[in-house]
Amino acid sequence: MSELATCYMDRAFELAREALSVGEVPVGCVLHLEGYGIIGEGRNRVNETKNATRHAELEAIDSALLWIKKNTSESYSQVFGKTEVWVNVEPCIQCAGALQILGFARVYYGCSNERFGGCGSVLDVCEKDKRFQRLQIQGGIRANEAIELLKDFYRCENPNAPNPKSKEGRK
């Protein structure tokens, strides 16, 4: 991996650690456009916003849309078609679908997401939906580091988790 590529994954991990520090699942995402550098970034904000869709990838996309509006006359689809996605965990089915529909050039990720992965671990959304150009995907980048962050998260309690319901009286 090149020094620049390492820089993008480093930033994704910084964002993931930031997410962990505020009780979010530690996922960070960076969007890189050749010639411009980072045009969008985000971290999980599901608990913070109380919105289950606010994953790192969608936060990064929103950030990039603002950048595109301010910095170029190209359409978002033209820009995203040349943009790389760097994320420390395999995008979930929702996010992988969004990345494919928006036409991103390539996705690089750390560890696989065995519960919700949309790039092949659970479902390959690119394989299922032929209407869009297939995402170019490379996983396994610093996977052990990503796994350790996830383990750190799952060792903690989630203050936003619902209280368990008693099973007394159920049939």
C-alpha atoms as a PDB file:
ATOM      1  CA  MET A   1       0.000   0.000   0.000  1.00  0.00           C
ATOM      2  CA  SER A   2       1.365   3.432  -0.921  1.00  0.00           C
ATOM      3  CA  GLU A   3       2.181   6.094   1.643  1.00  0.00           C
ATOM      4  CA  LEU A   4      -0.836   8.153   0.529  1.00  0.00           C
ATOM      5  CA  ALA A   5      -3.131   5.137   0.763  1.00  0.00           C
ATOM      6  CA  THR A   6      -1.843   4.515   4.281  1.00  0.00           C
ATOM      7  CA  CYS A   7      -2.737   8.123   5.098  1.00  0.00           C
ATOM      8  CA  TYR A   8      -6.382   7.598   4.062  1.00  0.00           C
ATOM      9  CA  MET A   9      -6.753   4.409   6.082  1.00  0.00           C
ATOM     10  CA  ASP A  10      -4.982   6.105   9.019  1.00  0.00           C
ATOM     11  CA  ARG A  11      -7.636   8.823   8.928  1.00  0.00           C
ATOM     12  CA  ALA A  12     -10.436   6.243   8.755  1.00  0.00           C
ATOM     13  CA  PHE A  13      -9.018   4.613  11.897  1.00  0.00           C
ATOM     14  CA  GLU A  14      -8.740   8.008  13.640  1.00  0.00           C
ATOM     15  CA  LEU A  15     -12.424   8.596  12.930  1.00  0.00           C
ATOM     16  CA  ALA A  16     -13.254   5.079  14.150  1.00  0.00           C
ATOM     17  CA  ARG A  17     -11.425   5.723  17.434  1.00  0.00           C
ATOM     18  CA  GLU A  18     -13.311   9.014  17.755  1.00  0.00           C
ATOM     19  CA  ALA A  19     -16.583   7.109  17.304  1.00  0.00           C
ATOM     20  CA  LEU A  20     -15.543   4.583  19.953  1.00  0.00           C
ATOM     21  CA  SER A  21     -14.684   7.373  22.398  1.00  0.00           C
ATOM     22  CA  VAL A  22     -18.312   8.580  22.306  1.00  0.00           C
ATOM     23  CA  GLY A  23     -19.907   5.136  22.506  1.00  0.00           C
ATOM     24  CA  GLU A  24     -20.472   4.512  18.803  1.00  0.00           C
ATOM     25  CA  VAL A  25     -19.540   1.413  16.822  1.00  0.00           C
ATOM     26  CA  PRO A  26     -15.956   2.244  15.771  1.00  0.00           C
ATOM     27  CA  VAL A  27     -16.284   2.779  12.041  1.00  0.00           C
ATOM     28  CA  GLY A  28     -14.636   5.639  10.169  1.00  0.00           C
ATOM     29  CA  CYS A  29     -14.789   6.439   6.471  1.00  0.00           C
ATOM     30  CA  VAL A  30     -12.776   8.691   4.157  1.00  0.00           C
ATOM     31  CA  LEU A  31     -13.578   9.611   0.548  1.00  0.00           C
ATOM     32  CA  HIS A  32     -10.512  10.336  -1.601  1.00  0.00           C
ATOM     33  CA  LEU A  33     -10.564  12.056  -4.986  1.00  0.00           C
ATOM     34  CA  GLU A  34      -7.313  11.919  -6.960  1.00  0.00           C
ATOM     35  CA  GLY A  35      -5.836  15.394  -7.313  1.00  0.00           C
ATOM     36  CA  TYR A  36      -7.896  16.803  -4.443  1.00  0.00           C
ATOM     37  CA  GLY A  37      -7.262  14.510  -1.480  1.00  0.00           C
ATOM     38  CA  ILE A  38      -9.972  13.882   1.094  1.00  0.00           C
ATOM     39  CA  ILE A  39     -13.295  15.339  -0.063  1.00  0.00           C
ATOM     40  CA  GLY A  40     -15.482  13.769   2.612  1.00  0.00           C
ATOM     41  CA  GLU A  41     -15.193  11.891   5.869  1.00  0.00           C
ATOM     42  CA  GLY A  42     -17.427  10.564   8.581  1.00  0.00           C
ATOM     43  CA  ARG A  43     -17.791   8.268  11.542  1.00  0.00           C
ATOM     44  CA  ASN A  44     -20.721   6.354  12.954  1.00  0.00           C
ATOM     45  CA  ARG A  45     -23.216   8.680  14.645  1.00  0.00           C
ATOM     46  CA  VAL A  46     -26.139   6.282  15.135  1.00  0.00           C
ATOM     47  CA  ASN A  47     -26.423   6.636  18.922  1.00  0.00           C
ATOM     48  CA  GLU A  48     -25.544  10.325  18.887  1.00  0.00           C
ATOM     49  CA  THR A  49     -28.280  11.176  16.372  1.00  0.00           C
ATOM     50  CA  LYS A  50     -30.670   8.383  17.382  1.00  0.00           C
ATOM     51  CA  ASN A  51     -30.869   7.608  13.659  1.00  0.00           C
ATOM     52  CA  ALA A  52     -29.979   4.058  12.635  1.00  0.00           C
ATOM     53  CA  THR A  53     -28.901   5.175   9.145  1.00  0.00           C
ATOM     54  CA  ARG A  54     -26.107   7.520  10.241  1.00  0.00           C
ATOM     55  CA  HIS A  55     -23.263   5.148   9.433  1.00  0.00           C
ATOM     56  CA  ALA A  56     -19.755   6.415   8.691  1.00  0.00           C
ATOM     57  CA  GLU A  57     -20.145   5.957   4.940  1.00  0.00           C
ATOM     58  CA  LEU A  58     -23.350   8.016   4.769  1.00  0.00           C
ATOM     59  CA  GLU A  59     -21.823  10.727   6.944  1.00  0.00           C
ATOM     60  CA  ALA A  60     -18.838  10.828   4.562  1.00  0.00           C
ATOM     61  CA  ILE A  61     -21.143  11.006   1.533  1.00  0.00           C
ATOM     62  CA  ASP A  62     -23.029  13.955   3.046  1.00  0.00           C
ATOM     63  CA  SER A  63     -19.705  15.672   3.756  1.00  0.00           C
ATOM     64  CA  ALA A  64     -18.555  15.065   0.165  1.00  0.00           C
ATOM     65  CA  LEU A  65     -21.807  16.402  -1.287  1.00  0.00           C
ATOM     66  CA  LEU A  66     -21.139  19.704   0.497  1.00  0.00           C
ATOM     67  CA  TRP A  67     -17.560  19.697  -0.823  1.00  0.00           C
ATOM     68  CA  ILE A  68     -18.773  19.039  -4.392  1.00  0.00           C
ATOM     69  CA  LYS A  69     -21.294  21.886  -4.204  1.00  0.00           C
ATOM     70  CA  LYS A  70     -18.578  24.333  -3.053  1.00  0.00           C
ATOM     71  CA  ASN A  71     -15.584  23.184  -5.095  1.00  0.00           C
ATOM     72  CA  THR A  72     -16.569  21.882  -8.513  1.00  0.00           C
ATOM     73  CA  SER A  73     -19.057  22.309 -11.309  1.00  0.00           C
ATOM     74  CA  GLU A  74     -19.109  18.540 -11.887  1.00  0.00           C
ATOM     75  CA  SER A  75     -22.134  16.513 -10.831  1.00  0.00           C
ATOM     76  CA  TYR A  76     -21.909  14.264  -7.804  1.00  0.00           C
ATOM     77  CA  SER A  77     -22.023  11.215 -10.081  1.00  0.00           C
ATOM     78  CA  GLN A  78     -19.036  12.474 -12.082  1.00  0.00           C
ATOM     79  CA  VAL A  79     -17.053  13.070  -8.887  1.00  0.00           C
ATOM     80  CA  PHE A  80     -18.062   9.847  -7.129  1.00  0.00           C
ATOM     81  CA  GLY A  81     -17.155   7.877 -10.259  1.00  0.00           C
ATOM     82  CA  LYS A  82     -13.532   8.912  -9.615  1.00  0.00           C
ATOM     83  CA  THR A  83     -13.626   8.683  -5.806  1.00  0.00           C
ATOM     84  CA  GLU A  84     -12.192   5.959  -3.565  1.00  0.00           C
ATOM     85  CA  VAL A  85     -13.835   4.900  -0.312  1.00  0.00           C
ATOM     86  CA  TRP A  86     -11.570   4.007   2.633  1.00  0.00           C
ATOM     87  CA  VAL A  87     -13.355   2.436   5.621  1.00  0.00           C
ATOM     88  CA  ASN A  88     -11.996   0.336   8.475  1.00  0.00           C
ATOM     89  CA  VAL A  89     -14.887  -2.193   8.414  1.00  0.00           C
ATOM     90  CA  GLU A  90     -16.653  -3.758   5.421  1.00  0.00           C
ATOM     91  CA  PRO A  91     -19.681  -1.611   4.547  1.00  0.00           C
ATOM     92  CA  CYS A  92     -23.014  -3.025   5.688  1.00  0.00           C
ATOM     93  CA  ILE A  93     -25.690  -3.966   3.164  1.00  0.00           C
ATOM     94  CA  GLN A  94     -27.298  -0.490   3.382  1.00  0.00           C
ATOM     95  CA  CYS A  95     -24.007   1.357   2.843  1.00  0.00           C
ATOM     96  CA  ALA A  96     -22.675  -0.997   0.163  1.00  0.00           C
ATOM     97  CA  GLY A  97     -25.925  -0.464  -1.733  1.00  0.00           C
ATOM     98  CA  ALA A  98     -25.599   3.313  -1.437  1.00  0.00           C
ATOM     99  CA  LEU A  99     -21.962   3.212  -2.580  1.00  0.00           C
ATOM    100  CA  GLN A 100     -22.891   1.139  -5.613  1.00  0.00           C
ATOM    101  CA  ILE A 101     -25.921   3.252  -6.572  1.00  0.00           C
ATOM    102  CA  LEU A 102     -23.864   6.451  -6.273  1.00  0.00           C
ATOM    103  CA  GLY A 103     -21.207   4.928  -8.531  1.00  0.00           C
ATOM    104  CA  PHE A 104     -18.061   5.099  -6.410  1.00  0.00           C
ATOM    105  CA  ALA A 105     -14.890   3.970  -8.171  1.00  0.00           C
ATOM    106  CA  ARG A 106     -13.401   1.668  -5.544  1.00  0.00           C
ATOM    107  CA  VAL A 107     -13.883   0.567  -1.917  1.00  0.00           C
ATOM    108  CA  TYR A 108     -11.002  -0.363   0.388  1.00  0.00           C
ATOM    109  CA  TYR A 109     -11.881  -1.788   3.794  1.00  0.00           C
ATOM    110  CA  GLY A 110     -10.284  -3.317   6.861  1.00  0.00           C
ATOM    111  CA  CYS A 111     -12.041  -6.284   8.435  1.00  0.00           C
ATOM    112  CA  SER A 112     -15.018  -8.212   7.151  1.00  0.00           C
ATOM    113  CA  ASN A 113     -18.437  -7.574   8.681  1.00  0.00           C
ATOM    114  CA  GLU A 114     -19.729 -11.080   9.391  1.00  0.00           C
ATOM    115  CA  ARG A 115     -23.090  -9.816  10.716  1.00  0.00           C
ATOM    116  CA  PHE A 116     -24.098  -7.146   8.209  1.00  0.00           C
ATOM    117  CA  GLY A 117     -21.466  -7.074   5.430  1.00  0.00           C
ATOM    118  CA  GLY A 118     -22.693  -5.976   2.035  1.00  0.00           C
ATOM    119  CA  CYS A 119     -19.494  -6.604   0.063  1.00  0.00           C
ATOM    120  CA  GLY A 120     -19.613 -10.380   0.259  1.00  0.00           C
ATOM    121  CA  SER A 121     -19.496 -11.440   3.921  1.00  0.00           C
ATOM    122  CA  VAL A 122     -23.284 -11.691   4.272  1.00  0.00           C
ATOM    123  CA  LEU A 123     -24.537 -10.485   0.908  1.00  0.00           C
ATOM    124  CA  ASP A 124     -22.767  -9.117  -2.146  1.00  0.00           C
ATOM    125  CA  VAL A 125     -25.117  -6.303  -3.123  1.00  0.00           C
ATOM    126  CA  CYS A 126     -23.062  -5.665  -6.250  1.00  0.00           C
ATOM    127  CA  GLU A 127     -23.667  -9.220  -7.416  1.00  0.00           C
ATOM    128  CA  LYS A 128     -27.404  -9.037  -6.733  1.00  0.00           C
ATOM    129  CA  ASP A 129     -28.173  -5.758  -8.503  1.00  0.00           C
ATOM    130  CA  LYS A 130     -26.970  -5.630 -12.101  1.00  0.00           C
ATOM    131  CA  ARG A 131     -28.501  -2.193 -12.819  1.00  0.00           C
ATOM    132  CA  PHE A 132     -25.383  -0.416 -11.557  1.00  0.00           C
ATOM    133  CA  GLN A 133     -21.684  -0.705 -12.282  1.00  0.00           C
ATOM    134  CA  ARG A 134     -20.048  -3.263 -10.006  1.00  0.00           C
ATOM    135  CA  LEU A 135     -17.995  -1.798  -7.160  1.00  0.00           C
ATOM    136  CA  GLN A 136     -14.294  -2.601  -7.204  1.00  0.00           C
ATOM    137  CA  ILE A 137     -13.594  -3.887  -3.684  1.00  0.00           C
ATOM    138  CA  GLN A 138     -10.444  -4.731  -1.750  1.00  0.00           C
ATOM    139  CA  GLY A 139     -10.731  -5.898   1.842  1.00  0.00           C
ATOM    140  CA  GLY A 140      -8.399  -7.110   4.553  1.00  0.00           C
ATOM    141  CA  ILE A 141      -6.418  -3.884   4.954  1.00  0.00           C
ATOM    142  CA  ARG A 142      -5.291  -3.697   8.600  1.00  0.00           C
ATOM    143  CA  ALA A 143      -8.072  -6.157   9.443  1.00  0.00           C
ATOM    144  CA  ASN A 144      -6.639  -7.143  12.844  1.00  0.00           C
ATOM    145  CA  GLU A 145      -6.533  -3.516  13.966  1.00  0.00           C
ATOM    146  CA  ALA A 146     -10.170  -3.057  12.923  1.00  0.00           C
ATOM    147  CA  ILE A 147     -11.197  -6.236  14.754  1.00  0.00           C
ATOM    148  CA  GLU A 148      -9.504  -5.035  17.954  1.00  0.00           C
ATOM    149  CA  LEU A 149     -11.464  -1.769  17.812  1.00  0.00           C
ATOM    150  CA  LEU A 150     -14.715  -3.705  17.416  1.00  0.00           C
ATOM    151  CA  LYS A 151     -13.781  -5.924  20.376  1.00  0.00           C
ATOM    152  CA  ASP A 152     -13.159  -2.785  22.452  1.00  0.00           C
ATOM    153  CA  PHE A 153     -16.648  -1.541  21.577  1.00  0.00           C
ATOM    154  CA  TYR A 154     -18.386  -4.813  22.398  1.00  0.00           C
ATOM    155  CA  ARG A 155     -16.635  -4.974  25.796  1.00  0.00           C
ATOM    156  CA  CYS A 156     -18.445  -1.750  26.782  1.00  0.00           C
ATOM    157  CA  GLU A 157     -22.095  -1.268  27.625  1.00  0.00           C
ATOM    158  CA  ASN A 158     -24.331   0.571  25.198  1.00  0.00           C
ATOM    159  CA  PRO A 159     -26.260   3.207  27.178  1.00  0.00           C
ATOM    160  CA  ASN A 160     -28.769   3.470  24.311  1.00  0.00           C
ATOM    161  CA  ALA A 161     -29.606  -0.241  24.206  1.00  0.00           C
ATOM    162  CA  PRO A 162     -33.203  -1.028  25.188  1.00  0.00           C
ATOM    163  CA  ASN A 163     -33.810  -2.574  28.590  1.00  0.00           C
ATOM    164  CA  PRO A 164     -34.313  -6.325  28.380  1.00  0.00           C
ATOM    165  CA  LYS A 165     -37.917  -7.396  28.841  1.00  0.00           C
ATOM    166  CA  SER A 166     -38.832 -10.012  31.382  1.00  0.00           C
ATOM    167  CA  LYS A 167     -39.893 -13.335  29.932  1.00  0.00           C
ATOM    168  CA  GLU A 168     -42.142 -14.154  32.889  1.00  0.00           C
ATOM    169  CA  GLY A 169     -45.676 -14.954  31.863  1.00  0.00           C
ATOM    170  CA  ARG A 170     -44.801 -15.518  28.212  1.00  0.00           C
ATOM    171  CA  LYS A 171     -45.995 -18.672  26.553  1.00  0.00           C
END
